[in-house]
Amino acid sequence: MKATDDYTAKIRMWAANPKVVAAPPLMVTIPHFGCKRFSSHREMNEWKEQLWREIAAQAPGDGRTDPPA
């Protein structure tokens, strides 16, 4: 049987030839936050949006997009 006919062949090939790839370094630190309780999904989503904005503000620009004017 050819490897292209066997749907598990790719997994077997990956397992036979493992490659360790280093993770890229984190460019920002994720702020610590403890257990949060929310009274609604809207409140949770507002908190998450604020957290994402804080993380994005710390991230260095990659030059692919211009900041909004």
PDB file of N, CA and C in Angstrom:
ATOM      1  N   MET A   1       0.843  -1.171   0.000  1.00  0.00           N
ATOM      2  CA  MET A   1       0.000   0.000   0.000  1.00  0.00           C
ATOM      3  C   MET A   1       0.891   1.237   0.000  1.00  0.00           C
ATOM      4  N   LYS A   2       0.547   2.205  -0.845  1.00  0.00           N
ATOM      5  CA  LYS A   2       1.314   3.444  -0.908  1.00  0.00           C
ATOM      6  C   LYS A   2       0.944   4.334   0.276  1.00  0.00           C
ATOM      7  N   ALA A   3       1.872   5.192   0.641  1.00  0.00           N
ATOM      8  CA  ALA A   3       1.621   6.106   1.759  1.00  0.00           C
ATOM      9  C   ALA A   3       0.476   7.058   1.450  1.00  0.00           C
ATOM     10  N   THR A   4       0.267   7.376   0.186  1.00  0.00           N
ATOM     11  CA  THR A   4      -0.820   8.293  -0.169  1.00  0.00           C
ATOM     12  C   THR A   4      -2.187   7.634  -0.039  1.00  0.00           C
ATOM     13  N   ASP A   5      -2.229   6.309  -0.031  1.00  0.00           N
ATOM     14  CA  ASP A   5      -3.499   5.599   0.104  1.00  0.00           C
ATOM     15  C   ASP A   5      -3.893   5.377   1.566  1.00  0.00           C
ATOM     16  N   ASP A   6      -2.938   5.496   2.462  1.00  0.00           N
ATOM     17  CA  ASP A   6      -3.179   5.231   3.869  1.00  0.00           C
ATOM     18  C   ASP A   6      -3.320   6.565   4.607  1.00  0.00           C
ATOM     19  N   TYR A   7      -4.486   6.822   5.178  1.00  0.00           N
ATOM     20  CA  TYR A   7      -4.720   8.124   5.806  1.00  0.00           C
ATOM     21  C   TYR A   7      -3.942   8.305   7.108  1.00  0.00           C
ATOM     22  N   THR A   8      -3.402   7.246   7.692  1.00  0.00           N
ATOM     23  CA  THR A   8      -2.591   7.383   8.903  1.00  0.00           C
ATOM     24  C   THR A   8      -1.098   7.418   8.595  1.00  0.00           C
ATOM     25  N   ALA A   9      -0.734   7.328   7.312  1.00  0.00           N
ATOM     26  CA  ALA A   9       0.681   7.295   6.946  1.00  0.00           C
ATOM     27  C   ALA A   9       1.391   8.592   7.329  1.00  0.00           C
ATOM     28  N   LYS A  10       0.723   9.731   7.166  1.00  0.00           N
ATOM     29  CA  LYS A  10       1.351  11.001   7.508  1.00  0.00           C
ATOM     30  C   LYS A  10       1.695  11.050   8.989  1.00  0.00           C
ATOM     31  N   ILE A  11       0.799  10.563   9.824  1.00  0.00           N
ATOM     32  CA  ILE A  11       1.056  10.555  11.267  1.00  0.00           C
ATOM     33  C   ILE A  11       2.214   9.630  11.585  1.00  0.00           C
ATOM     34  N   ARG A  12       2.267   8.474  10.932  1.00  0.00           N
ATOM     35  CA  ARG A  12       3.380   7.550  11.152  1.00  0.00           C
ATOM     36  C   ARG A  12       4.697   8.159  10.697  1.00  0.00           C
ATOM     37  N   MET A  13       4.689   8.890   9.571  1.00  0.00           N
ATOM     38  CA  MET A  13       5.918   9.533   9.099  1.00  0.00           C
ATOM     39  C   MET A  13       6.355  10.619  10.076  1.00  0.00           C
ATOM     40  N   TRP A  14       5.410  11.395  10.586  1.00  0.00           N
ATOM     41  CA  TRP A  14       5.748  12.444  11.561  1.00  0.00           C
ATOM     42  C   TRP A  14       6.305  11.822  12.842  1.00  0.00           C
ATOM     43  N   ALA A  15       5.725  10.703  13.274  1.00  0.00           N
ATOM     44  CA  ALA A  15       6.187  10.048  14.493  1.00  0.00           C
ATOM     45  C   ALA A  15       7.567   9.420  14.298  1.00  0.00           C
ATOM     46  N   ALA A  16       7.854   8.955  13.093  1.00  0.00           N
ATOM     47  CA  ALA A  16       9.148   8.336  12.828  1.00  0.00           C
ATOM     48  C   ALA A  16      10.259   9.370  12.723  1.00  0.00           C
ATOM     49  N   ASN A  17       9.931  10.600  12.330  1.00  0.00           N
ATOM     50  CA  ASN A  17      10.926  11.660  12.145  1.00  0.00           C
ATOM     51  C   ASN A  17      10.524  12.908  12.938  1.00  0.00           C
ATOM     52  N   PRO A  18      10.563  12.834  14.272  1.00  0.00           N
ATOM     53  CA  PRO A  18      10.126  13.998  15.050  1.00  0.00           C
ATOM     54  C   PRO A  18      11.119  15.145  14.927  1.00  0.00           C
ATOM     55  N   LYS A  19      10.571  16.360  14.851  1.00  0.00           N
ATOM     56  CA  LYS A  19      11.407  17.556  14.798  1.00  0.00           C
ATOM     57  C   LYS A  19      10.955  18.480  15.918  1.00  0.00           C
ATOM     58  N   VAL A  20      11.903  18.877  16.740  1.00  0.00           N
ATOM     59  CA  VAL A  20      11.606  19.806  17.829  1.00  0.00           C
ATOM     60  C   VAL A  20      11.865  21.211  17.311  1.00  0.00           C
ATOM     61  N   VAL A  21      10.846  22.037  17.388  1.00  0.00           N
ATOM     62  CA  VAL A  21      10.957  23.415  16.925  1.00  0.00           C
ATOM     63  C   VAL A  21      10.770  24.319  18.127  1.00  0.00           C
ATOM     64  N   ALA A  22      11.706  25.230  18.313  1.00  0.00           N
ATOM     65  CA  ALA A  22      11.622  26.147  19.447  1.00  0.00           C
ATOM     66  C   ALA A  22      10.498  27.145  19.225  1.00  0.00           C
ATOM     67  N   ALA A  23       9.779  27.424  20.281  1.00  0.00           N
ATOM     68  CA  ALA A  23       8.714  28.425  20.205  1.00  0.00           C
ATOM     69  C   ALA A  23       9.351  29.811  20.159  1.00  0.00           C
ATOM     70  N   PRO A  24       8.740  30.731  19.435  1.00  0.00           N
ATOM     71  CA  PRO A  24       9.302  32.071  19.396  1.00  0.00           C
ATOM     72  C   PRO A  24       9.174  32.737  20.764  1.00  0.00           C
ATOM     73  N   PRO A  25      10.073  33.655  21.081  1.00  0.00           N
ATOM     74  CA  PRO A  25       9.984  34.312  22.387  1.00  0.00           C
ATOM     75  C   PRO A  25       8.750  35.202  22.466  1.00  0.00           C
ATOM     76  N   LEU A  26       8.182  35.291  23.643  1.00  0.00           N
ATOM     77  CA  LEU A  26       7.023  36.158  23.830  1.00  0.00           C
ATOM     78  C   LEU A  26       7.471  37.603  23.741  1.00  0.00           C
ATOM     79  N   MET A  27       6.732  38.394  23.020  1.00  0.00           N
ATOM     80  CA  MET A  27       7.087  39.791  22.851  1.00  0.00           C
ATOM     81  C   MET A  27       6.407  40.666  23.903  1.00  0.00           C
ATOM     82  N   VAL A  28       5.393  40.146  24.546  1.00  0.00           N
ATOM     83  CA  VAL A  28       4.689  40.896  25.577  1.00  0.00           C
ATOM     84  C   VAL A  28       4.467  39.982  26.771  1.00  0.00           C
ATOM     85  N   THR A  29       4.248  40.585  27.904  1.00  0.00           N
ATOM     86  CA  THR A  29       3.904  39.798  29.086  1.00  0.00           C
ATOM     87  C   THR A  29       2.400  39.863  29.276  1.00  0.00           C
ATOM     88  N   ILE A  30       1.835  38.735  29.549  1.00  0.00           N
ATOM     89  CA  ILE A  30       0.395  38.681  29.783  1.00  0.00           C
ATOM     90  C   ILE A  30       0.154  39.030  31.245  1.00  0.00           C
ATOM     91  N   PRO A  31      -0.694  40.028  31.499  1.00  0.00           N
ATOM     92  CA  PRO A  31      -0.917  40.423  32.882  1.00  0.00           C
ATOM     93  C   PRO A  31      -1.553  39.291  33.687  1.00  0.00           C
ATOM     94  N   HIS A  32      -1.158  39.220  34.949  1.00  0.00           N
ATOM     95  CA  HIS A  32      -1.729  38.200  35.827  1.00  0.00           C
ATOM     96  C   HIS A  32      -3.134  38.624  36.227  1.00  0.00           C
ATOM     97  N   PHE A  33      -4.033  37.689  36.192  1.00  0.00           N
ATOM     98  CA  PHE A  33      -5.377  37.962  36.686  1.00  0.00           C
ATOM     99  C   PHE A  33      -5.873  36.720  37.401  1.00  0.00           C
ATOM    100  N   GLY A  34      -6.550  36.939  38.475  1.00  0.00           N
ATOM    101  CA  GLY A  34      -7.062  35.829  39.271  1.00  0.00           C
ATOM    102  C   GLY A  34      -8.413  35.368  38.770  1.00  0.00           C
ATOM    103  N   CYS A  35      -9.117  34.720  39.639  1.00  0.00           N
ATOM    104  CA  CYS A  35     -10.448  34.229  39.318  1.00  0.00           C
ATOM    105  C   CYS A  35     -11.384  35.413  39.125  1.00  0.00           C
ATOM    106  N   LYS A  36     -12.065  35.432  38.003  1.00  0.00           N
ATOM    107  CA  LYS A  36     -13.010  36.505  37.709  1.00  0.00           C
ATOM    108  C   LYS A  36     -14.409  35.922  37.667  1.00  0.00           C
ATOM    109  N   ARG A  37     -15.346  36.674  38.177  1.00  0.00           N
ATOM    110  CA  ARG A  37     -16.755  36.279  38.097  1.00  0.00           C
ATOM    111  C   ARG A  37     -17.516  37.402  37.415  1.00  0.00           C
ATOM    112  N   PHE A  38     -18.359  37.023  36.485  1.00  0.00           N
ATOM    113  CA  PHE A  38     -19.098  38.001  35.706  1.00  0.00           C
ATOM    114  C   PHE A  38     -20.582  37.733  35.844  1.00  0.00           C
ATOM    115  N   SER A  39     -21.348  38.795  35.793  1.00  0.00           N
ATOM    116  CA  SER A  39     -22.798  38.637  35.920  1.00  0.00           C
ATOM    117  C   SER A  39     -23.455  38.386  34.566  1.00  0.00           C
ATOM    118  N   SER A  40     -22.713  38.605  33.474  1.00  0.00           N
ATOM    119  CA  SER A  40     -23.280  38.360  32.147  1.00  0.00           C
ATOM    120  C   SER A  40     -22.148  38.119  31.151  1.00  0.00           C
ATOM    121  N   HIS A  41     -22.517  37.576  29.994  1.00  0.00           N
ATOM    122  CA  HIS A  41     -21.541  37.382  28.932  1.00  0.00           C
ATOM    123  C   HIS A  41     -21.039  38.728  28.424  1.00  0.00           C
ATOM    124  N   ARG A  42     -21.913  39.704  28.384  1.00  0.00           N
ATOM    125  CA  ARG A  42     -21.517  41.030  27.919  1.00  0.00           C
ATOM    126  C   ARG A  42     -20.406  41.597  28.808  1.00  0.00           C
ATOM    127  N   GLU A  43     -20.562  41.462  30.115  1.00  0.00           N
ATOM    128  CA  GLU A  43     -19.550  41.953  31.050  1.00  0.00           C
ATOM    129  C   GLU A  43     -18.223  41.224  30.833  1.00  0.00           C
ATOM    130  N   MET A  44     -18.276  39.911  30.628  1.00  0.00           N
ATOM    131  CA  MET A  44     -17.066  39.137  30.391  1.00  0.00           C
ATOM    132  C   MET A  44     -16.402  39.568  29.085  1.00  0.00           C
ATOM    133  N   ASN A  45     -17.191  39.761  28.040  1.00  0.00           N
ATOM    134  CA  ASN A  45     -16.627  40.159  26.759  1.00  0.00           C
ATOM    135  C   ASN A  45     -16.025  41.554  26.818  1.00  0.00           C
ATOM    136  N   GLU A  46     -16.614  42.458  27.589  1.00  0.00           N
ATOM    137  CA  GLU A  46     -16.034  43.789  27.761  1.00  0.00           C
ATOM    138  C   GLU A  46     -14.687  43.695  28.474  1.00  0.00           C
ATOM    139  N   TRP A  47     -14.604  42.830  29.481  1.00  0.00           N
ATOM    140  CA  TRP A  47     -13.343  42.633  30.194  1.00  0.00           C
ATOM    141  C   TRP A  47     -12.283  42.054  29.263  1.00  0.00           C
ATOM    142  N   LYS A  48     -12.678  41.057  28.465  1.00  0.00           N
ATOM    143  CA  LYS A  48     -11.726  40.447  27.530  1.00  0.00           C
ATOM    144  C   LYS A  48     -11.244  41.468  26.508  1.00  0.00           C
ATOM    145  N   GLU A  49     -12.145  42.302  26.011  1.00  0.00           N
ATOM    146  CA  GLU A  49     -11.771  43.332  25.037  1.00  0.00           C
ATOM    147  C   GLU A  49     -10.745  44.290  25.638  1.00  0.00           C
ATOM    148  N   GLN A  50     -10.960  44.695  26.885  1.00  0.00           N
ATOM    149  CA  GLN A  50     -10.019  45.580  27.557  1.00  0.00           C
ATOM    150  C   GLN A  50      -8.662  44.892  27.721  1.00  0.00           C
ATOM    151  N   LEU A  51      -8.677  43.622  28.100  1.00  0.00           N
ATOM    152  CA  LEU A  51      -7.435  42.871  28.269  1.00  0.00           C
ATOM    153  C   LEU A  51      -6.681  42.767  26.949  1.00  0.00           C
ATOM    154  N   TRP A  52      -7.390  42.453  25.858  1.00  0.00           N
ATOM    155  CA  TRP A  52      -6.742  42.360  24.549  1.00  0.00           C
ATOM    156  C   TRP A  52      -6.135  43.698  24.145  1.00  0.00           C
ATOM    157  N   ARG A  53      -6.829  44.784  24.449  1.00  0.00           N
ATOM    158  CA  ARG A  53      -6.296  46.108  24.107  1.00  0.00           C
ATOM    159  C   ARG A  53      -5.028  46.407  24.894  1.00  0.00           C
ATOM    160  N   GLU A  54      -4.985  46.019  26.175  1.00  0.00           N
ATOM    161  CA  GLU A  54      -3.781  46.218  26.978  1.00  0.00           C
ATOM    162  C   GLU A  54      -2.614  45.407  26.421  1.00  0.00           C
ATOM    163  N   ILE A  55      -2.862  44.165  26.045  1.00  0.00           N
ATOM    164  CA  ILE A  55      -1.814  43.314  25.485  1.00  0.00           C
ATOM    165  C   ILE A  55      -1.346  43.872  24.147  1.00  0.00           C
ATOM    166  N   ALA A  56      -2.289  44.307  23.311  1.00  0.00           N
ATOM    167  CA  ALA A  56      -1.924  44.848  21.998  1.00  0.00           C
ATOM    168  C   ALA A  56      -1.122  46.133  22.129  1.00  0.00           C
ATOM    169  N   ALA A  57      -1.397  46.931  23.151  1.00  0.00           N
ATOM    170  CA  ALA A  57      -0.657  48.178  23.346  1.00  0.00           C
ATOM    171  C   ALA A  57       0.804  47.895  23.692  1.00  0.00           C
ATOM    172  N   GLN A  58       1.084  46.770  24.322  1.00  0.00           N
ATOM    173  CA  GLN A  58       2.457  46.397  24.682  1.00  0.00           C
ATOM    174  C   GLN A  58       3.222  45.811  23.500  1.00  0.00           C
ATOM    175  N   ALA A  59       2.511  45.272  22.532  1.00  0.00           N
ATOM    176  CA  ALA A  59       3.156  44.556  21.427  1.00  0.00           C
ATOM    177  C   ALA A  59       3.874  45.536  20.507  1.00  0.00           C
ATOM    178  N   PRO A  60       5.064  45.175  20.090  1.00  0.00           N
ATOM    179  CA  PRO A  60       5.773  46.049  19.147  1.00  0.00           C
ATOM    180  C   PRO A  60       5.101  45.984  17.776  1.00  0.00           C
ATOM    181  N   GLY A  61       5.123  47.087  17.075  1.00  0.00           N
ATOM    182  CA  GLY A  61       4.549  47.106  15.725  1.00  0.00           C
ATOM    183  C   GLY A  61       5.423  46.304  14.784  1.00  0.00           C
ATOM    184  N   ASP A  62       4.798  45.601  13.862  1.00  0.00           N
ATOM    185  CA  ASP A  62       5.574  44.788  12.920  1.00  0.00           C
ATOM    186  C   ASP A  62       5.714  45.471  11.579  1.00  0.00           C
ATOM    187  N   GLY A  63       5.140  46.652  11.421  1.00  0.00           N
ATOM    188  CA  GLY A  63       5.302  47.398  10.180  1.00  0.00           C
ATOM    189  C   GLY A  63       4.381  46.971   9.058  1.00  0.00           C
ATOM    190  N   ARG A  64       3.523  45.978   9.295  1.00  0.00           N
ATOM    191  CA  ARG A  64       2.634  45.530   8.230  1.00  0.00           C
ATOM    192  C   ARG A  64       1.431  46.441   8.069  1.00  0.00           C
ATOM    193  N   THR A  65       1.016  47.091   9.134  1.00  0.00           N
ATOM    194  CA  THR A  65      -0.145  47.969   9.052  1.00  0.00           C
ATOM    195  C   THR A  65       0.194  49.298   9.689  1.00  0.00           C
ATOM    196  N   ASP A  66      -0.443  50.331   9.213  1.00  0.00           N
ATOM    197  CA  ASP A  66      -0.250  51.653   9.790  1.00  0.00           C
ATOM    198  C   ASP A  66      -1.245  51.828  10.931  1.00  0.00           C
ATOM    199  N   PRO A  67      -0.860  52.527  11.998  1.00  0.00           N
ATOM    200  CA  PRO A  67      -1.809  52.754  13.071  1.00  0.00           C
ATOM    201  C   PRO A  67      -2.928  53.679  12.615  1.00  0.00           C
ATOM    202  N   PRO A  68      -4.122  53.516  13.173  1.00  0.00           N
ATOM    203  CA  PRO A  68      -5.236  54.381  12.752  1.00  0.00           C
ATOM    204  C   PRO A  68      -4.941  55.836  13.089  1.00  0.00           C
ATOM    205  N   ALA A  69      -5.375  56.714  12.209  1.00  0.00           N
ATOM    206  CA  ALA A  69      -5.114  58.152  12.405  1.00  0.00           C
ATOM    207  C   ALA A  69      -6.105  58.793  13.338  1.00  0.00           C
TER     208      ALA A  69
END
